[in-house]
Amino acid sequence: MYAARNDMTKRFGEEELILLTDRDGSTGVIDDTVLNQALADASAEVDGYLGGRYTLPLPSVPDVLVRICCDVARYLLHDEHAPERIEKRYDNAIDFLSKLGTGKISLGMPDEGDASPSNNTAQMCSDGRVFGRKNSKGFI
């Protein structure tokens, strides 16, 4: 996963996460099961955009992907009732991921297109022509 509970708490505060994860309001604490599911779904969405360009899992998670994952998870936690500002952050995150996926912007790490050339290539050899004007004796 690109983000964890601590990242979400730092960005959005414990109160908001309690409201979003304690669905029935009975515990008054962050429901880790709900939060982790949203983070897993957000990470899968990020992977969907990065998978065609980068080898996954990434060797290290850039800070920008932590932020993107948190914004996507927050939007997912709001379900259909996301306020306009949260929906706009989600739209910006998806736009950013789309640009990453198409190569318009980069994470600053090598992607599969920048892989070093391999010496493991096929070679073809020929013993020369079998048929030609000089050795066809009038047929060609």
C-alpha atoms as a PDB file:
ATOM      1  CA  MET A   1       0.000   0.000   0.000  1.00  0.00           C
ATOM      2  CA  TYR A   2       1.128   3.505  -0.719  1.00  0.00           C
ATOM      3  CA  ALA A   3      -0.249   5.034   2.478  1.00  0.00           C
ATOM      4  CA  ALA A   4      -1.061   3.939   6.023  1.00  0.00           C
ATOM      5  CA  ARG A   5      -3.297   5.009   8.900  1.00  0.00           C
ATOM      6  CA  ASN A   6      -0.658   7.434  10.176  1.00  0.00           C
ATOM      7  CA  ASP A   7      -0.496   9.201   6.786  1.00  0.00           C
ATOM      8  CA  MET A   8      -4.277   9.613   6.735  1.00  0.00           C
ATOM      9  CA  THR A   9      -4.357  10.894  10.325  1.00  0.00           C
ATOM     10  CA  LYS A  10      -1.610  13.456   9.656  1.00  0.00           C
ATOM     11  CA  ARG A  11      -3.423  14.782   6.595  1.00  0.00           C
ATOM     12  CA  PHE A  12      -7.060  14.733   7.622  1.00  0.00           C
ATOM     13  CA  GLY A  13      -7.164  14.405  11.403  1.00  0.00           C
ATOM     14  CA  GLU A  14      -8.491  11.704  13.678  1.00  0.00           C
ATOM     15  CA  GLU A  15     -11.952  13.258  14.001  1.00  0.00           C
ATOM     16  CA  GLU A  16     -12.658  13.090  10.276  1.00  0.00           C
ATOM     17  CA  LEU A  17     -11.396   9.518  10.065  1.00  0.00           C
ATOM     18  CA  ILE A  18     -13.632   8.481  12.963  1.00  0.00           C
ATOM     19  CA  LEU A  19     -16.624  10.013  11.192  1.00  0.00           C
ATOM     20  CA  LEU A  20     -15.740   8.235   7.951  1.00  0.00           C
ATOM     21  CA  THR A  21     -14.860   4.803   9.344  1.00  0.00           C
ATOM     22  CA  ASP A  22     -17.091   4.348  12.406  1.00  0.00           C
ATOM     23  CA  ARG A  23     -20.110   3.747  10.219  1.00  0.00           C
ATOM     24  CA  ASP A  24     -22.679   3.181  12.977  1.00  0.00           C
ATOM     25  CA  GLY A  25     -21.116   5.655  15.425  1.00  0.00           C
ATOM     26  CA  SER A  26     -20.942   3.102  18.212  1.00  0.00           C
ATOM     27  CA  THR A  27     -17.199   2.881  18.924  1.00  0.00           C
ATOM     28  CA  GLY A  28     -16.013   6.477  18.630  1.00  0.00           C
ATOM     29  CA  VAL A  29     -12.643   5.345  17.246  1.00  0.00           C
ATOM     30  CA  ILE A  30     -11.146   4.793  13.796  1.00  0.00           C
ATOM     31  CA  ASP A  31     -12.261   1.455  12.389  1.00  0.00           C
ATOM     32  CA  ASP A  32      -8.997   0.054  11.021  1.00  0.00           C
ATOM     33  CA  THR A  33     -10.791  -2.545   8.900  1.00  0.00           C
ATOM     34  CA  VAL A  34     -12.741   0.110   7.000  1.00  0.00           C
ATOM     35  CA  LEU A  35      -9.723   2.415   6.716  1.00  0.00           C
ATOM     36  CA  ASN A  36      -7.392  -0.342   5.527  1.00  0.00           C
ATOM     37  CA  GLN A  37      -9.914  -1.438   2.901  1.00  0.00           C
ATOM     38  CA  ALA A  38     -10.130   2.121   1.555  1.00  0.00           C
ATOM     39  CA  LEU A  39      -6.322   2.384   1.493  1.00  0.00           C
ATOM     40  CA  ALA A  40      -6.044  -0.977  -0.288  1.00  0.00           C
ATOM     41  CA  ASP A  41      -8.647   0.096  -2.864  1.00  0.00           C
ATOM     42  CA  ALA A  42      -6.869   3.416  -3.385  1.00  0.00           C
ATOM     43  CA  SER A  43      -3.508   1.653  -3.787  1.00  0.00           C
ATOM     44  CA  ALA A  44      -5.022  -0.714  -6.342  1.00  0.00           C
ATOM     45  CA  GLU A  45      -6.370   2.274  -8.259  1.00  0.00           C
ATOM     46  CA  VAL A  46      -2.909   3.887  -8.239  1.00  0.00           C
ATOM     47  CA  ASP A  47      -1.359   0.606  -9.425  1.00  0.00           C
ATOM     48  CA  GLY A  48      -3.816   0.518 -12.302  1.00  0.00           C
ATOM     49  CA  TYR A  49      -2.355   3.745 -13.660  1.00  0.00           C
ATOM     50  CA  LEU A  50       1.293   2.941 -12.908  1.00  0.00           C
ATOM     51  CA  GLY A  51       1.366  -0.725 -13.896  1.00  0.00           C
ATOM     52  CA  GLY A  52       1.801  -0.152 -17.614  1.00  0.00           C
ATOM     53  CA  ARG A  53       4.791   2.094 -17.121  1.00  0.00           C
ATOM     54  CA  TYR A  54       6.594   1.113 -13.922  1.00  0.00           C
ATOM     55  CA  THR A  55       7.600  -2.247 -12.515  1.00  0.00           C
ATOM     56  CA  LEU A  56       5.433  -2.882  -9.477  1.00  0.00           C
ATOM     57  CA  PRO A  57       5.842  -2.873  -6.577  1.00  0.00           C
ATOM     58  CA  LEU A  58       7.898   0.294  -6.685  1.00  0.00           C
ATOM     59  CA  PRO A  59      11.274   0.031  -4.907  1.00  0.00           C
ATOM     60  CA  SER A  60      10.385   3.117  -2.856  1.00  0.00           C
ATOM     61  CA  VAL A  61       7.184   5.115  -2.550  1.00  0.00           C
ATOM     62  CA  PRO A  62       7.542   8.772  -3.574  1.00  0.00           C
ATOM     63  CA  ASP A  63       5.818  11.279  -1.264  1.00  0.00           C
ATOM     64  CA  VAL A  64       3.532  12.387  -4.064  1.00  0.00           C
ATOM     65  CA  LEU A  65       2.021   8.878  -4.265  1.00  0.00           C
ATOM     66  CA  VAL A  66       1.373   8.866  -0.521  1.00  0.00           C
ATOM     67  CA  ARG A  67      -0.610  12.085  -0.921  1.00  0.00           C
ATOM     68  CA  ILE A  68      -2.435  10.784  -3.988  1.00  0.00           C
ATOM     69  CA  CYS A  69      -3.330   7.531  -2.226  1.00  0.00           C
ATOM     70  CA  CYS A  70      -4.647   9.429   0.803  1.00  0.00           C
ATOM     71  CA  ASP A  71      -6.806  11.685  -1.387  1.00  0.00           C
ATOM     72  CA  VAL A  72      -8.239   8.707  -3.262  1.00  0.00           C
ATOM     73  CA  ALA A  73      -8.897   6.765  -0.036  1.00  0.00           C
ATOM     74  CA  ARG A  74     -10.603   9.773   1.535  1.00  0.00           C
ATOM     75  CA  TYR A  75     -12.858  10.120  -1.498  1.00  0.00           C
ATOM     76  CA  LEU A  76     -13.696   6.415  -1.379  1.00  0.00           C
ATOM     77  CA  LEU A  77     -14.548   6.643   2.322  1.00  0.00           C
ATOM     78  CA  HIS A  78     -17.049   9.397   1.587  1.00  0.00           C
ATOM     79  CA  ASP A  79     -18.859   7.068  -0.819  1.00  0.00           C
ATOM     80  CA  GLU A  80     -21.441   9.010  -2.882  1.00  0.00           C
ATOM     81  CA  HIS A  81     -21.553  11.892  -0.406  1.00  0.00           C
ATOM     82  CA  ALA A  82     -18.150  13.493  -0.989  1.00  0.00           C
ATOM     83  CA  PRO A  83     -18.121  17.278  -0.663  1.00  0.00           C
ATOM     84  CA  GLU A  84     -17.080  19.228  -3.740  1.00  0.00           C
ATOM     85  CA  ARG A  85     -13.598  20.056  -2.382  1.00  0.00           C
ATOM     86  CA  ILE A  86     -12.850  16.367  -1.742  1.00  0.00           C
ATOM     87  CA  GLU A  87     -14.200  15.391  -5.143  1.00  0.00           C
ATOM     88  CA  LYS A  88     -11.960  18.039  -6.730  1.00  0.00           C
ATOM     89  CA  ARG A  89      -8.906  16.638  -4.912  1.00  0.00           C
ATOM     90  CA  TYR A  90      -9.848  13.173  -6.179  1.00  0.00           C
ATOM     91  CA  ASP A  91     -10.245  14.457  -9.743  1.00  0.00           C
ATOM     92  CA  ASN A  92      -6.827  16.157  -9.501  1.00  0.00           C
ATOM     93  CA  ALA A  93      -5.296  12.923  -8.211  1.00  0.00           C
ATOM     94  CA  ILE A  94      -6.752  10.922 -11.106  1.00  0.00           C
ATOM     95  CA  ASP A  95      -5.573  13.542 -13.589  1.00  0.00           C
ATOM     96  CA  PHE A  96      -2.068  13.314 -12.105  1.00  0.00           C
ATOM     97  CA  LEU A  97      -2.129   9.504 -12.287  1.00  0.00           C
ATOM     98  CA  SER A  98      -3.350   9.631 -15.894  1.00  0.00           C
ATOM     99  CA  LYS A  99      -0.427  11.848 -16.830  1.00  0.00           C
ATOM    100  CA  LEU A 100       1.958   9.503 -15.030  1.00  0.00           C
ATOM    101  CA  GLY A 101       0.524   6.525 -16.868  1.00  0.00           C
ATOM    102  CA  THR A 102       0.895   8.138 -20.290  1.00  0.00           C
ATOM    103  CA  GLY A 103       4.384   9.474 -19.616  1.00  0.00           C
ATOM    104  CA  LYS A 104       3.513  13.188 -19.687  1.00  0.00           C
ATOM    105  CA  ILE A 105       5.028  13.472 -16.203  1.00  0.00           C
ATOM    106  CA  SER A 106       7.435  11.244 -14.327  1.00  0.00           C
ATOM    107  CA  LEU A 107       8.046  10.037 -10.790  1.00  0.00           C
ATOM    108  CA  GLY A 108      11.754  10.618 -11.299  1.00  0.00           C
ATOM    109  CA  MET A 109      12.584   6.928 -11.245  1.00  0.00           C
ATOM    110  CA  PRO A 110      13.333   4.576 -14.139  1.00  0.00           C
ATOM    111  CA  ASP A 111      10.293   3.193 -15.874  1.00  0.00           C
ATOM    112  CA  GLU A 112      10.158   0.120 -18.070  1.00  0.00           C
ATOM    113  CA  GLY A 113      10.763   2.234 -21.164  1.00  0.00           C
ATOM    114  CA  ASP A 114      14.102   3.397 -19.745  1.00  0.00           C
ATOM    115  CA  ALA A 115      15.442  -0.070 -18.947  1.00  0.00           C
ATOM    116  CA  SER A 116      19.054  -0.635 -19.902  1.00  0.00           C
ATOM    117  CA  PRO A 117      19.546  -2.482 -23.173  1.00  0.00           C
ATOM    118  CA  SER A 118      20.060  -6.212 -22.959  1.00  0.00           C
ATOM    119  CA  ASN A 119      22.812  -8.182 -24.681  1.00  0.00           C
ATOM    120  CA  ASN A 120      20.455 -11.137 -24.859  1.00  0.00           C
ATOM    121  CA  THR A 121      19.390 -10.700 -28.491  1.00  0.00           C
ATOM    122  CA  ALA A 122      18.797 -13.012 -31.434  1.00  0.00           C
ATOM    123  CA  GLN A 123      21.261 -13.089 -34.313  1.00  0.00           C
ATOM    124  CA  MET A 124      20.669 -14.442 -37.808  1.00  0.00           C
ATOM    125  CA  CYS A 125      23.387 -15.849 -40.042  1.00  0.00           C
ATOM    126  CA  SER A 126      23.196 -16.941 -43.667  1.00  0.00           C
ATOM    127  CA  ASP A 127      25.447 -19.087 -45.834  1.00  0.00           C
ATOM    128  CA  GLY A 128      24.692 -16.954 -48.853  1.00  0.00           C
ATOM    129  CA  ARG A 129      22.190 -17.133 -51.665  1.00  0.00           C
ATOM    130  CA  VAL A 130      20.986 -20.412 -53.020  1.00  0.00           C
ATOM    131  CA  PHE A 131      19.315 -18.928 -56.081  1.00  0.00           C
ATOM    132  CA  GLY A 132      20.650 -15.997 -58.058  1.00  0.00           C
ATOM    133  CA  ARG A 133      21.235 -14.803 -61.639  1.00  0.00           C
ATOM    134  CA  LYS A 134      24.823 -16.017 -61.746  1.00  0.00           C
ATOM    135  CA  ASN A 135      24.107 -19.602 -60.716  1.00  0.00           C
ATOM    136  CA  SER A 136      20.662 -20.124 -62.293  1.00  0.00           C
ATOM    137  CA  LYS A 137      22.036 -20.893 -65.787  1.00  0.00           C
ATOM    138  CA  GLY A 138      19.363 -19.100 -67.769  1.00  0.00           C
ATOM    139  CA  PHE A 139      16.235 -19.793 -65.726  1.00  0.00           C
ATOM    140  CA  ILE A 140      16.168 -16.371 -64.119  1.00  0.00           C
END
